[in-house]
Structure formats: C-alpha cells, structure tokens
Amino acid sequence: MPESRIPPDAKTAPVTRAVSPEADVDVPTSPQSTGETEPGPVPAAPGLWSGLRPLLLRLHFYAGILIGPFILVAAVTGLAYTVTPQVESMLYDHELKVTPRGTAEPLADQVAAAKRAVPDGTLLSVTKGAGPTDSTRVTFSKDDLPEGYTLTAFVDPYDSKVLGELKTFGQWLPARAWLDDLHRNLHLGDFGRNYSEIAASWLWVEVLGGLALWAGTPRNRQRLRRLLLPRGGTKSRRRTLSWHGAVGLWASVGLLALSATGLTWSAHAGASIGKIQDALGGTTPAVSTALSATGGSGDGAGSAKKDVGIDAVIASAHDAGLIGVLVVTPPGDADSAYVVKENTRSWPEQQDSVAVDPATGKVTQKLNFDDFPLLAKMTSWGIDAHMGLLFGLANQIVLALLAIAVIAMTLWGYRMWWLRRPTRAEGLAVGRAPARGAWRRVPGRVLAPVVVPAAVIGYYVPFFGLPLLLFVLVDVAVGAVRRRRAGAIA
C-alpha cells in the first residue's frame, strides 16, 4: 500500500494516495480507507484532454471488465490456432505427402480414382499440388455433411491410389477446421459468432483508449522511459499497471490490425464493411464463367457437351502463366467454363485465375491479382495475415506473441481491479470503478464530436453500439438508484 504523506501546510487528516487503474499518477482518496479506493478526477492541463480523459477512463474500465472475457477467449483460441499448420503436417502427413517416383499419371485418372472412392459425392474442385511430394486433393459435396463442410479424397499422383478421405471446411483439414470453428463461434453456430464479433468490435476501442490514457499521462523526462519499458522492482499495483501499459503500447499496431481484419468477415459488421467496400470500388473481382453463344467449338447443343478434359485445362492455365498450387473448379453447367485459380497465400501472393472453355481448352478470360482494386488486395492480405498464412512461420510467431500479450494485459487489468478493492468495512469485494459523472464534466464542444462518431460507428458496427448503449443505460440506472438511496438516508 502506498505510504501516507502529509503536506507541510495540511490542516486536515492525513490523506493516503492511490493509483488510478489506467494511469501512472497519484490521486487523492478517502482518508478512512486503508486500501486503494475509487480515484477521483485526475488533474490535467486545461483543454480537450482534461475534459475527455475522465470519460475515456470510465469507458476503458467498464469495457475492460465486461468485454474482457470475450477478448480473453478470442485470444486463447487464437493462440491455439496459430500452431495449426504444424499440427496438420504431423496429423495428416500420410494424406498430404507422397514419395516421388517416375512420372505422375494424368490428372483425369486421379480424379476418376477419387470418384470411385466417393461414389455418392458431387465433384466441387480439384487441387493440384505445387511440388513433386504433394498429393492431389479432390473435393466433393455430400448431403450428410454439416453445412459448409466437404469431403476431400487425397490421391497419390504417381499411381492414382487414394491415400485417405477427410472431412474439410474450405481448404482446412479437420484439426484446423475444428480450431477455426472454436475461434470463430465456440462451436455454437451462428449464435456463437456473436462472441468473436463482440471481441473484434471492442478490441480496437480498448487499444486506442488505453494508448490515449497511457501516453496522455503527465511524465517528466526521467519517467519517459516508463512509457516504453515496464517498471521493475517489487510486486505492486504500479508495477502491474506499468506492464499493462507498456506491453499494450508495443502490441497496439498488431492488435488494431487483428481487430480490423476480424471485423471484415464478422456476421454483422462484416456486411456493413462489405457494402462500404463495394461503394468505394473495392469489390474482389472474379473471372466470368459465361461462354459466348459463338464460343466453344461453335455449333449447337452437341458441341456444348464436349470437354477437352482437366489435363488440357491445366495445360492451358500453365500456358497463361499460372503457377504453384492450382485449384480447378469444373463447369457448373453446359454453358459455363472451367475456372483455374492460383492458391499461394504466402508473400508474394499468387491469386491469378483464368476461365477455360471446356469444348476448346482456350482461355476465355484471365484475371491477374495485380489488377485487383487496392482495397480488395488489402482485404486479402489482411485476412491471410490474420490467419498466419501471409509470412509463414514469422507470421505465426507474431500472432502468437500478440495473443499472449492480450491474455497478459487482460489478466493484469483484472489484477489491478482486484488490488484496488476497498476494505471489508465498505461492503465491496472488488475494486471500485472510476468516478461517476465523467460525461457531465466534458464540455459540449468536446462531447458532441465524440457522441456523433460513436453513434455512426455503433450503427455500422452493432456489437460496439449495443454494448455501449447498454453501458450507458446501466450506468444511468445505477446512478439513479444510488441517488435515491442517498436521499432516503438523508
């Protein structure tokens, strides 16, 4: 507990000093308390910050307490997800890797073998590996699979032997699909997705609010190093606060990126972001599979049924410049083309694609990733970085460190709250919140520019807006109850 200090000219009882939960400064507290109690407003220089800081402090505290569990679960499940490439390599080595020997058999023969192994499946795609040790993946849809899942047969390209069949989710194998589902929705379906969207919707708020509170604390030159480096010494609330703030500062850029990319594929905010992206011309393009009336071999319905075969289609894609891992999607009907797309998600990404006429094997359209709108490229890069794909092992390590930082900061925040709990005589078992009435002390010229953007963001990001509205309503209700009790006692 901080030691008591008595000013030389004091004419009142001694006043203990306690530390506010989000700033490395001392604030006066009740002389009757023997523990750290609710901080009052922190003195600051006149102006925008002095009016806004108490409100930001209270919001940061309540969001940390109430949204913290969602963010903590997202960080723990995200940390587990970072090791999925290595887990897949160990668990599914038999299906994924083969021993090179001679010349690979035609891709059509490999697909035929997979169809025999999955006779009741509908062919969705064929993925040709980039290297000589990669197996061929043939993916089918089946009626008895959960929504979004497919069945993939893995074929040895050198003898067309089916190595095994696995239930897949997109390109993810079972282990990664299970961890991905855990991270996205805790295996609770669409309802469970709300948890991760709440976490993504408030992570950026907590990061920016924490940065403002940490960097905005008055510091002299000797204490400036504490902005970047955590405090050492004995275990105390100040030391915990120092680690909480310094680690948050170093991790802030990565956490903001995770929040933004997480929102792009969330259920509610993601839809709003998609509309905004479309309005700004950032829609991700795709090659057209439609064939012209005079295309193909050119005469009537009979010609539309001709198919040069998947090997000729792959050859045409290679001639068009496609390399690496290639995913072939067969025509959806007689008037559609094959689509061949690169699927190299590491840097530099290779996502060029072509449409190939099944009757002639000619490329009808090519789409280069370099020609994507900038917003579409940034979305792709952001999502791949979020999943640990863009920069390989380095990407995974950074994600793991960010997840550990979030876990640590959340636990430090709860520890600071616990350490600031009042005495048993005051009737509370946990720490107090920052002083009430912060919004009333914010000048109108400051409050209006804050409320309007918050309302707009809350409309487009509903799992930010709804909890924020709930915070306000609960806070108003609690204040009304306390005033009524105080009036009754008086």
Protein backbone atom coordinates (compact mmCIF):
# COMPACT_ATOMS: atom_id res chain seq x y z
CA MET A 1 0.00 0.00 0.00
CA PRO A 2 1.35 3.48 -0.86
CA GLU A 3 2.72 5.31 2.14
CA SER A 4 0.79 8.26 3.65
CA ARG A 5 2.09 11.73 3.01
CA ILE A 6 1.16 14.91 4.94
CA PRO A 7 1.69 18.23 3.14
CA PRO A 8 3.61 20.76 5.26
CA ASP A 9 0.64 23.14 5.39
CA ALA A 10 -2.01 20.44 5.95
CA LYS A 11 -4.72 21.33 8.48
CA THR A 12 -6.78 18.20 7.94
CA ALA A 13 -6.41 14.47 8.50
CA PRO A 14 -3.70 12.66 6.57
CA VAL A 15 -4.63 11.66 3.04
CA THR A 16 -3.44 8.41 1.51
CA ARG A 17 -2.56 8.24 -2.17
CA ALA A 18 -3.74 5.57 -4.60
CA VAL A 19 -3.07 4.86 -8.22
CA SER A 20 -5.75 5.18 -10.88
CA PRO A 21 -6.28 1.98 -12.83
CA GLU A 22 -5.24 3.30 -16.17
CA ALA A 23 -2.60 5.93 -15.46
CA ASP A 24 0.68 6.04 -13.61
CA VAL A 25 -0.25 9.03 -11.44
CA ASP A 26 -1.34 9.53 -7.85
CA VAL A 27 -4.84 10.70 -6.97
CA PRO A 28 -6.33 11.52 -3.55
CA THR A 29 -8.66 9.03 -1.91
CA SER A 30 -10.74 8.70 1.22
CA PRO A 31 -8.77 9.07 4.47
CA GLN A 32 -10.98 6.44 6.10
CA SER A 33 -9.91 3.67 3.71
CA THR A 34 -6.92 1.53 4.46
CA GLY A 35 -6.85 0.18 0.92
CA GLU A 36 -6.81 1.70 -2.53
CA THR A 37 -10.22 3.16 -3.35
CA GLU A 38 -12.11 4.86 -6.10
CA PRO A 39 -9.99 7.52 -7.79
CA GLY A 40 -11.36 10.97 -8.33
CA PRO A 41 -10.77 13.04 -11.45
CA VAL A 42 -7.11 13.21 -12.36
CA PRO A 43 -5.80 16.76 -12.64
CA ALA A 44 -4.66 17.67 -16.10
CA ALA A 45 -3.87 20.69 -18.17
CA PRO A 46 -6.96 22.66 -19.30
CA GLY A 47 -8.33 21.84 -22.72
CA LEU A 48 -9.68 18.94 -24.72
CA TRP A 49 -7.80 16.21 -22.89
CA SER A 50 -8.70 17.39 -19.39
CA GLY A 51 -12.38 17.19 -20.28
CA LEU A 52 -12.25 13.94 -22.20
CA ARG A 53 -9.91 11.90 -20.02
CA PRO A 54 -12.31 11.06 -17.14
CA LEU A 55 -14.93 9.83 -19.62
CA LEU A 56 -12.36 7.77 -21.51
CA LEU A 57 -11.05 6.35 -18.25
CA ARG A 58 -14.50 5.19 -17.19
CA LEU A 59 -15.25 3.67 -20.63
CA HIS A 60 -11.89 1.87 -20.71
CA PHE A 61 -12.53 0.46 -17.25
CA TYR A 62 -16.05 -0.80 -17.91
CA ALA A 63 -15.20 -2.20 -21.34
CA GLY A 64 -12.20 -3.97 -19.86
CA ILE A 65 -14.27 -5.53 -17.08
CA LEU A 66 -17.31 -6.52 -19.16
CA ILE A 67 -15.83 -7.14 -22.63
CA GLY A 68 -12.57 -8.53 -21.27
CA PRO A 69 -13.85 -12.14 -21.06
CA PHE A 70 -14.81 -12.11 -24.76
CA ILE A 71 -11.42 -10.73 -25.75
CA LEU A 72 -9.65 -13.21 -23.46
CA VAL A 73 -11.43 -16.21 -25.01
CA ALA A 74 -10.70 -14.94 -28.52
CA ALA A 75 -7.01 -14.58 -27.61
CA VAL A 76 -6.76 -18.05 -26.08
CA THR A 77 -8.47 -19.74 -29.04
CA GLY A 78 -6.46 -17.62 -31.45
CA LEU A 79 -3.24 -18.68 -29.75
CA ALA A 80 -4.22 -22.32 -30.24
CA TYR A 81 -5.00 -21.62 -33.89
CA THR A 82 -1.51 -20.26 -34.60
CA VAL A 83 0.05 -23.73 -34.45
CA THR A 84 -2.41 -25.39 -36.87
CA PRO A 85 0.00 -25.63 -39.87
CA GLN A 86 2.44 -27.70 -37.82
CA VAL A 87 -0.40 -29.76 -36.30
CA GLU A 88 -1.78 -30.52 -39.77
CA SER A 89 1.64 -31.56 -41.04
CA MET A 90 2.03 -34.04 -38.20
CA LEU A 91 -1.51 -35.42 -38.14
CA TYR A 92 -2.08 -35.73 -41.88
CA ASP A 93 1.37 -36.43 -43.29
CA HIS A 94 0.12 -39.71 -44.82
CA GLU A 95 -2.60 -37.91 -46.79
CA LEU A 96 -0.62 -34.79 -47.69
CA LYS A 97 2.79 -36.12 -48.78
CA VAL A 98 3.93 -38.76 -51.25
CA THR A 99 7.26 -40.18 -52.39
CA PRO A 100 8.20 -39.01 -55.92
CA ARG A 101 8.72 -41.88 -58.36
CA GLY A 102 8.68 -41.55 -62.10
CA THR A 103 6.06 -39.52 -63.96
CA ALA A 104 2.72 -38.51 -62.49
CA GLU A 105 -0.37 -40.07 -64.02
CA PRO A 106 -2.90 -37.92 -65.89
CA LEU A 107 -4.97 -35.76 -63.55
CA ALA A 108 -8.14 -37.19 -65.10
CA ASP A 109 -7.15 -40.66 -63.88
CA GLN A 110 -6.57 -39.33 -60.38
CA VAL A 111 -9.99 -37.67 -60.34
CA ALA A 112 -11.60 -40.88 -61.61
CA ALA A 113 -10.00 -42.82 -58.74
CA ALA A 114 -11.33 -40.30 -56.24
CA LYS A 115 -14.82 -40.55 -57.74
CA ARG A 116 -14.74 -44.32 -57.31
CA ALA A 117 -13.80 -43.82 -53.66
CA VAL A 118 -16.64 -41.31 -53.13
CA PRO A 119 -19.36 -42.58 -55.47
CA ASP A 120 -22.17 -40.58 -53.82
CA GLY A 121 -20.32 -37.24 -53.87
CA THR A 122 -20.65 -34.31 -56.25
CA LEU A 123 -17.32 -33.04 -57.59
CA LEU A 124 -16.57 -29.49 -56.45
CA SER A 125 -12.88 -28.90 -57.14
CA VAL A 126 -9.50 -30.46 -57.82
CA THR A 127 -6.34 -29.07 -56.25
CA LYS A 128 -3.04 -29.89 -57.94
CA GLY A 129 -0.06 -29.57 -55.63
CA ALA A 130 2.84 -27.30 -56.45
CA GLY A 131 5.64 -29.78 -55.72
CA PRO A 132 6.52 -33.40 -56.55
CA THR A 133 5.81 -34.54 -52.97
CA ASP A 134 2.28 -33.08 -52.79
CA SER A 135 -0.79 -35.27 -53.12
CA THR A 136 -3.76 -34.25 -55.27
CA ARG A 137 -6.90 -33.14 -53.46
CA VAL A 138 -10.30 -33.95 -54.98
CA THR A 139 -13.15 -32.30 -53.08
CA PHE A 140 -16.81 -33.40 -53.09
CA SER A 141 -20.05 -32.16 -51.59
CA LYS A 142 -22.28 -34.67 -49.80
CA ASP A 143 -25.75 -34.41 -48.34
CA ASP A 144 -24.82 -35.96 -45.00
CA LEU A 145 -22.12 -33.39 -44.13
CA PRO A 146 -22.60 -30.38 -41.82
CA GLU A 147 -23.24 -27.04 -43.51
CA GLY A 148 -20.08 -25.61 -45.04
CA TYR A 149 -18.17 -28.91 -44.86
CA THR A 150 -16.97 -31.06 -47.75
CA LEU A 151 -15.24 -34.42 -48.19
CA THR A 152 -11.77 -34.44 -49.71
CA ALA A 153 -10.06 -37.51 -51.17
CA PHE A 154 -6.26 -37.41 -51.27
CA VAL A 155 -4.73 -39.15 -54.27
CA ASP A 156 -1.14 -40.23 -54.93
CA PRO A 157 -0.38 -38.65 -58.33
CA TYR A 158 2.11 -41.39 -59.25
CA ASP A 159 -0.28 -44.33 -59.09
CA SER A 160 -3.75 -42.76 -58.57
CA LYS A 161 -4.11 -44.56 -55.25
CA VAL A 162 -6.50 -42.88 -52.81
CA LEU A 163 -4.49 -42.22 -49.65
CA GLY A 164 -7.46 -41.31 -47.49
CA GLU A 165 -10.57 -39.19 -47.13
CA LEU A 166 -11.02 -36.29 -44.70
CA LYS A 167 -13.90 -34.00 -43.83
CA THR A 168 -12.78 -30.48 -44.74
CA PHE A 169 -14.01 -26.92 -44.27
CA GLY A 170 -12.93 -24.94 -47.30
CA GLN A 171 -9.24 -25.70 -47.58
CA TRP A 172 -8.88 -26.55 -43.90
CA LEU A 173 -8.31 -30.11 -42.74
CA PRO A 174 -10.18 -31.45 -39.67
CA ALA A 175 -7.82 -30.17 -36.93
CA ARG A 176 -7.62 -26.65 -38.31
CA ALA A 177 -11.33 -26.64 -39.13
CA TRP A 178 -12.11 -27.59 -35.52
CA LEU A 179 -9.85 -24.87 -34.08
CA ASP A 180 -11.12 -22.34 -36.62
CA ASP A 181 -14.69 -23.10 -35.58
CA LEU A 182 -13.68 -22.79 -31.93
CA HIS A 183 -12.09 -19.40 -32.53
CA ARG A 184 -14.99 -18.08 -34.61
CA ASN A 185 -18.01 -19.32 -32.70
CA LEU A 186 -17.01 -21.71 -29.88
CA HIS A 187 -18.79 -24.48 -31.82
CA LEU A 188 -22.11 -22.73 -31.14
CA GLY A 189 -23.01 -21.96 -34.75
CA ASP A 190 -24.31 -18.56 -35.83
CA PHE A 191 -25.18 -17.58 -32.26
CA GLY A 192 -21.63 -18.25 -31.15
CA ARG A 193 -20.24 -15.90 -33.79
CA ASN A 194 -21.55 -13.03 -31.71
CA TYR A 195 -18.83 -13.61 -29.11
CA SER A 196 -15.97 -13.15 -31.57
CA GLU A 197 -17.68 -10.15 -33.15
CA ILE A 198 -18.03 -8.50 -29.74
CA ALA A 199 -14.32 -9.09 -29.14
CA ALA A 200 -13.31 -7.66 -32.53
CA SER A 201 -15.73 -4.73 -32.17
CA TRP A 202 -14.23 -3.63 -28.86
CA LEU A 203 -10.58 -4.62 -29.16
CA TRP A 204 -9.73 -1.51 -31.17
CA VAL A 205 -11.66 0.66 -28.69
CA GLU A 206 -9.71 -0.75 -25.78
CA VAL A 207 -6.40 -0.39 -27.62
CA LEU A 208 -6.94 3.22 -28.71
CA GLY A 209 -8.39 4.19 -25.33
CA GLY A 210 -5.52 2.55 -23.49
CA LEU A 211 -2.97 4.27 -25.74
CA ALA A 212 -4.55 7.66 -25.09
CA LEU A 213 -4.63 7.12 -21.32
CA TRP A 214 -1.10 5.72 -21.18
CA ALA A 215 0.53 8.27 -23.46
CA GLY A 216 -1.53 11.16 -22.07
CA THR A 217 -0.31 10.71 -18.51
CA PRO A 218 1.88 13.64 -17.45
CA ARG A 219 5.50 12.48 -17.35
CA ASN A 220 8.81 14.18 -16.90
CA ARG A 221 11.93 13.22 -18.81
CA GLN A 222 13.15 10.85 -16.11
CA ARG A 223 9.87 8.91 -16.26
CA LEU A 224 9.52 8.92 -20.05
CA ARG A 225 11.20 5.52 -20.30
CA ARG A 226 8.23 4.06 -18.39
CA LEU A 227 6.09 4.79 -21.43
CA LEU A 228 8.04 2.18 -23.38
CA LEU A 229 9.50 -0.11 -20.73
CA PRO A 230 7.66 -1.78 -17.86
CA ARG A 231 8.57 -1.00 -14.28
CA GLY A 232 10.72 -3.44 -12.34
CA GLY A 233 11.06 -3.82 -8.62
CA THR A 234 8.71 -5.32 -6.09
CA LYS A 235 5.32 -6.68 -7.00
CA SER A 236 2.75 -3.91 -6.68
CA ARG A 237 -0.18 -2.39 -8.44
CA ARG A 238 2.06 0.24 -10.02
CA ARG A 239 4.27 -2.47 -11.48
CA THR A 240 1.25 -4.32 -12.87
CA LEU A 241 -0.04 -1.10 -14.40
CA SER A 242 3.36 -0.44 -15.94
CA TRP A 243 3.44 -3.85 -17.65
CA HIS A 244 -0.18 -3.46 -18.77
CA GLY A 245 0.53 -0.10 -20.40
CA ALA A 246 3.96 -0.78 -21.90
CA VAL A 247 3.01 -4.13 -23.44
CA GLY A 248 -0.18 -2.58 -24.80
CA LEU A 249 1.85 0.17 -26.43
CA TRP A 250 4.20 -2.27 -28.17
CA ALA A 251 1.37 -4.55 -29.30
CA SER A 252 -1.04 -1.81 -30.37
CA VAL A 253 -0.41 -1.82 -34.13
CA GLY A 254 -0.80 -5.59 -34.40
CA LEU A 255 -3.92 -5.61 -32.21
CA LEU A 256 -5.57 -2.87 -34.29
CA ALA A 257 -4.85 -4.91 -37.42
CA LEU A 258 -6.35 -8.04 -35.85
CA SER A 259 -9.47 -6.12 -34.85
CA ALA A 260 -9.93 -4.62 -38.31
CA THR A 261 -9.39 -7.88 -40.19
CA GLY A 262 -11.56 -9.80 -37.74
CA LEU A 263 -14.44 -7.40 -38.40
CA THR A 264 -14.20 -7.85 -42.17
CA TRP A 265 -15.64 -11.36 -42.03
CA SER A 266 -17.89 -10.95 -38.99
CA ALA A 267 -21.61 -11.54 -39.47
CA HIS A 268 -22.99 -8.04 -38.83
CA ALA A 269 -20.15 -5.52 -39.08
CA GLY A 270 -18.72 -7.54 -41.97
CA ALA A 271 -21.86 -6.95 -44.01
CA SER A 272 -21.58 -3.20 -43.42
CA ILE A 273 -17.90 -3.19 -44.27
CA GLY A 274 -18.64 -5.13 -47.45
CA LYS A 275 -21.20 -2.53 -48.55
CA ILE A 276 -18.77 0.29 -47.86
CA GLN A 277 -16.03 -1.54 -49.74
CA ASP A 278 -18.36 -2.09 -52.72
CA ALA A 279 -19.33 1.59 -52.71
CA LEU A 280 -15.65 2.55 -52.81
CA GLY A 281 -14.96 0.22 -55.73
CA GLY A 282 -13.03 -2.31 -53.69
CA THR A 283 -15.06 -5.42 -54.53
CA THR A 284 -12.94 -8.52 -55.05
CA PRO A 285 -13.30 -9.40 -58.76
CA ALA A 286 -13.74 -12.86 -60.26
CA VAL A 287 -13.41 -14.25 -63.78
CA SER A 288 -16.62 -14.76 -65.69
CA THR A 289 -17.57 -18.38 -66.38
CA ALA A 290 -20.19 -17.48 -69.01
CA LEU A 291 -19.47 -18.73 -72.54
CA SER A 292 -20.48 -16.70 -75.57
CA ALA A 293 -23.09 -18.09 -77.94
CA THR A 294 -20.43 -18.47 -80.62
CA GLY A 295 -17.74 -19.77 -78.26
CA GLY A 296 -16.50 -23.33 -77.87
CA SER A 297 -16.42 -25.49 -80.96
CA GLY A 298 -19.26 -23.44 -82.30
CA ASP A 299 -22.27 -25.45 -83.43
CA GLY A 300 -25.29 -26.20 -81.33
CA ALA A 301 -26.05 -28.07 -78.16
CA GLY A 302 -23.94 -31.04 -79.11
CA SER A 303 -20.75 -29.01 -79.08
CA ALA A 304 -21.59 -27.64 -75.63
CA LYS A 305 -21.24 -31.15 -74.24
CA LYS A 306 -17.68 -31.58 -75.49
CA ASP A 307 -14.97 -31.48 -72.82
CA VAL A 308 -11.26 -31.42 -73.53
CA GLY A 309 -10.63 -32.77 -70.03
CA ILE A 310 -8.97 -31.47 -66.91
CA ASP A 311 -5.41 -32.15 -68.11
CA ALA A 312 -5.90 -29.91 -71.15
CA VAL A 313 -7.46 -27.26 -68.90
CA ILE A 314 -4.42 -27.33 -66.58
CA ALA A 315 -2.12 -27.09 -69.61
CA SER A 316 -4.00 -24.01 -70.83
CA ALA A 317 -3.70 -22.44 -67.39
CA HIS A 318 0.06 -23.08 -67.36
CA ASP A 319 0.34 -21.55 -70.82
CA ALA A 320 -1.49 -18.49 -69.45
CA GLY A 321 1.17 -18.11 -66.77
CA LEU A 322 -0.47 -19.70 -63.73
CA ILE A 323 1.95 -21.49 -61.39
CA GLY A 324 2.10 -23.01 -57.94
CA VAL A 325 -0.91 -24.63 -56.27
CA LEU A 326 -3.79 -24.66 -58.76
CA VAL A 327 -7.45 -25.17 -57.85
CA VAL A 328 -9.69 -26.30 -60.72
CA THR A 329 -13.44 -25.80 -60.46
CA PRO A 330 -15.42 -27.75 -63.10
CA PRO A 331 -18.21 -26.09 -65.10
CA GLY A 332 -21.47 -25.65 -63.26
CA ASP A 333 -23.49 -26.39 -66.40
CA ALA A 334 -23.10 -26.85 -70.16
CA ASP A 335 -22.80 -23.09 -70.73
CA SER A 336 -20.07 -22.49 -68.16
CA ALA A 337 -16.29 -22.57 -68.26
CA TYR A 338 -13.72 -24.22 -66.04
CA VAL A 339 -12.10 -21.88 -63.53
CA VAL A 340 -8.44 -22.39 -62.62
CA LYS A 341 -7.07 -20.29 -59.77
CA GLU A 342 -3.69 -19.99 -58.09
CA ASN A 343 -3.84 -20.59 -54.37
CA THR A 344 -0.49 -19.43 -53.00
CA ARG A 345 -1.39 -17.34 -49.95
CA SER A 346 2.13 -16.57 -48.76
CA TRP A 347 4.06 -13.45 -49.73
CA PRO A 348 4.12 -12.59 -52.57
CA GLU A 349 0.61 -13.90 -53.07
CA GLN A 350 -0.32 -15.69 -56.27
CA GLN A 351 -4.05 -15.48 -56.91
CA ASP A 352 -4.29 -15.12 -60.68
CA SER A 353 -7.17 -17.01 -62.28
CA VAL A 354 -8.42 -17.97 -65.75
CA ALA A 355 -11.64 -19.24 -67.29
CA VAL A 356 -11.19 -22.08 -69.81
CA ASP A 357 -13.72 -23.18 -72.43
CA PRO A 358 -14.32 -26.92 -71.86
CA ALA A 359 -15.04 -27.51 -75.55
CA THR A 360 -11.84 -25.97 -76.93
CA GLY A 361 -9.45 -25.65 -73.98
CA LYS A 362 -8.96 -21.98 -74.81
CA VAL A 363 -8.67 -19.34 -72.10
CA THR A 364 -11.71 -17.07 -72.36
CA GLN A 365 -10.66 -14.63 -69.63
CA LYS A 366 -7.71 -14.01 -67.33
CA LEU A 367 -7.72 -12.05 -64.10
CA ASN A 368 -4.42 -11.02 -62.52
CA PHE A 369 -4.13 -10.35 -58.80
CA ASP A 370 -2.05 -7.30 -59.67
CA ASP A 371 -5.16 -5.82 -61.30
CA PHE A 372 -7.32 -6.16 -58.18
CA PRO A 373 -8.51 -2.87 -56.63
CA LEU A 374 -6.26 -1.76 -53.78
CA LEU A 375 -9.00 -2.32 -51.18
CA ALA A 376 -9.53 -5.87 -52.42
CA LYS A 377 -5.78 -6.55 -52.19
CA MET A 378 -5.61 -5.09 -48.68
CA THR A 379 -8.55 -7.24 -47.60
CA SER A 380 -6.87 -10.36 -48.95
CA TRP A 381 -3.52 -9.52 -47.35
CA GLY A 382 -5.16 -8.64 -44.04
CA ILE A 383 -7.19 -11.85 -43.84
CA ASP A 384 -4.22 -14.02 -44.79
CA ALA A 385 -2.05 -12.27 -42.19
CA HIS A 386 -4.79 -12.75 -39.58
CA MET A 387 -4.77 -16.49 -40.35
CA GLY A 388 -0.97 -16.74 -40.20
CA LEU A 389 -0.56 -17.51 -43.91
CA LEU A 390 0.98 -14.38 -45.40
CA PHE A 391 4.53 -14.58 -44.00
CA GLY A 392 4.70 -18.20 -42.95
CA LEU A 393 6.35 -19.07 -39.63
CA ALA A 394 7.21 -15.43 -38.87
CA ASN A 395 3.52 -14.56 -39.23
CA GLN A 396 2.59 -17.36 -36.83
CA ILE A 397 5.13 -16.19 -34.23
CA VAL A 398 3.86 -12.60 -34.36
CA LEU A 399 0.26 -13.78 -33.96
CA ALA A 400 1.23 -15.97 -31.02
CA LEU A 401 3.02 -13.06 -29.32
CA LEU A 402 0.02 -10.79 -29.87
CA ALA A 403 -2.31 -13.41 -28.40
CA ILE A 404 -0.06 -13.82 -25.36
CA ALA A 405 0.06 -10.02 -24.97
CA VAL A 406 -3.74 -9.79 -24.98
CA ILE A 407 -4.04 -12.61 -22.44
CA ALA A 408 -1.48 -10.97 -20.17
CA MET A 409 -2.97 -7.47 -20.43
CA THR A 410 -6.46 -8.76 -19.70
CA LEU A 411 -5.28 -10.64 -16.63
CA TRP A 412 -3.21 -7.65 -15.48
CA GLY A 413 -6.30 -5.47 -15.84
CA TYR A 414 -8.35 -7.76 -13.63
CA ARG A 415 -5.49 -7.94 -11.13
CA MET A 416 -5.35 -4.14 -10.89
CA TRP A 417 -9.09 -4.09 -10.32
CA TRP A 418 -8.71 -6.66 -7.53
CA LEU A 419 -5.80 -4.84 -5.90
CA ARG A 420 -7.84 -1.62 -5.78
CA ARG A 421 -10.67 -3.26 -3.85
CA PRO A 422 -11.88 -1.32 -0.79
CA THR A 423 -11.82 -2.52 2.78
CA ARG A 424 -14.31 -5.09 4.01
CA ALA A 425 -15.99 -2.36 6.07
CA GLU A 426 -17.04 -0.59 2.87
CA GLY A 427 -19.08 -3.61 1.83
CA LEU A 428 -17.46 -4.34 -1.56
CA ALA A 429 -15.35 -7.33 -2.52
CA VAL A 430 -13.94 -5.88 -5.74
CA GLY A 431 -12.36 -2.65 -6.85
CA ARG A 432 -14.39 0.47 -7.48
CA ALA A 433 -14.95 1.98 -10.89
CA PRO A 434 -13.51 5.39 -11.78
CA ALA A 435 -15.51 8.37 -10.54
CA ARG A 436 -19.09 8.72 -11.78
CA GLY A 437 -20.41 11.73 -13.69
CA ALA A 438 -17.46 11.90 -16.06
CA TRP A 439 -19.63 12.79 -19.06
CA ARG A 440 -21.14 15.77 -17.20
CA ARG A 441 -17.68 17.25 -16.82
CA VAL A 442 -16.99 17.08 -20.55
CA PRO A 443 -17.64 20.42 -22.29
CA GLY A 444 -20.30 20.34 -25.00
CA ARG A 445 -17.78 21.34 -27.65
CA VAL A 446 -15.86 18.18 -26.77
CA LEU A 447 -18.77 15.81 -26.12
CA ALA A 448 -20.61 16.45 -29.39
CA PRO A 449 -17.68 15.48 -31.66
CA VAL A 450 -17.34 12.28 -29.61
CA VAL A 451 -21.02 11.26 -29.50
CA VAL A 452 -21.73 11.69 -33.21
CA PRO A 453 -18.88 9.45 -34.49
CA ALA A 454 -19.68 6.91 -31.77
CA ALA A 455 -23.30 6.78 -32.95
CA VAL A 456 -22.26 6.32 -36.58
CA ILE A 457 -19.75 3.60 -35.72
CA GLY A 458 -22.32 1.95 -33.48
CA TYR A 459 -24.78 1.80 -36.37
CA TYR A 460 -22.33 0.09 -38.73
CA VAL A 461 -20.67 -1.99 -36.00
CA PRO A 462 -23.68 -3.05 -33.92
CA PHE A 463 -21.75 -5.12 -31.40
CA PHE A 464 -19.89 -1.96 -30.49
CA GLY A 465 -23.01 0.21 -30.41
CA LEU A 466 -25.33 -2.12 -28.49
CA PRO A 467 -22.93 -2.84 -25.58
CA LEU A 468 -22.06 0.87 -25.43
CA LEU A 469 -25.74 1.75 -25.16
CA LEU A 470 -26.13 -0.94 -22.50
CA PHE A 471 -23.20 0.52 -20.54
CA VAL A 472 -24.84 3.95 -20.58
CA LEU A 473 -28.27 2.66 -19.54
CA VAL A 474 -26.86 0.55 -16.70
CA ASP A 475 -24.69 3.42 -15.52
CA VAL A 476 -27.66 5.81 -15.50
CA ALA A 477 -29.82 3.27 -13.68
CA VAL A 478 -27.15 2.60 -11.04
CA GLY A 479 -26.69 6.34 -10.53
CA ALA A 480 -30.42 6.85 -10.09
CA VAL A 481 -30.62 4.06 -7.51
CA ARG A 482 -27.69 5.46 -5.55
CA ARG A 483 -29.14 8.97 -5.53
CA ARG A 484 -32.47 7.61 -4.31
CA ARG A 485 -30.77 5.69 -1.50
CA ALA A 486 -28.71 8.72 -0.54
CA GLY A 487 -31.89 10.83 -0.43
CA ALA A 488 -33.65 8.27 1.73
CA ILE A 489 -30.77 8.18 4.20
CA ALA A 490 -30.64 11.97 4.34
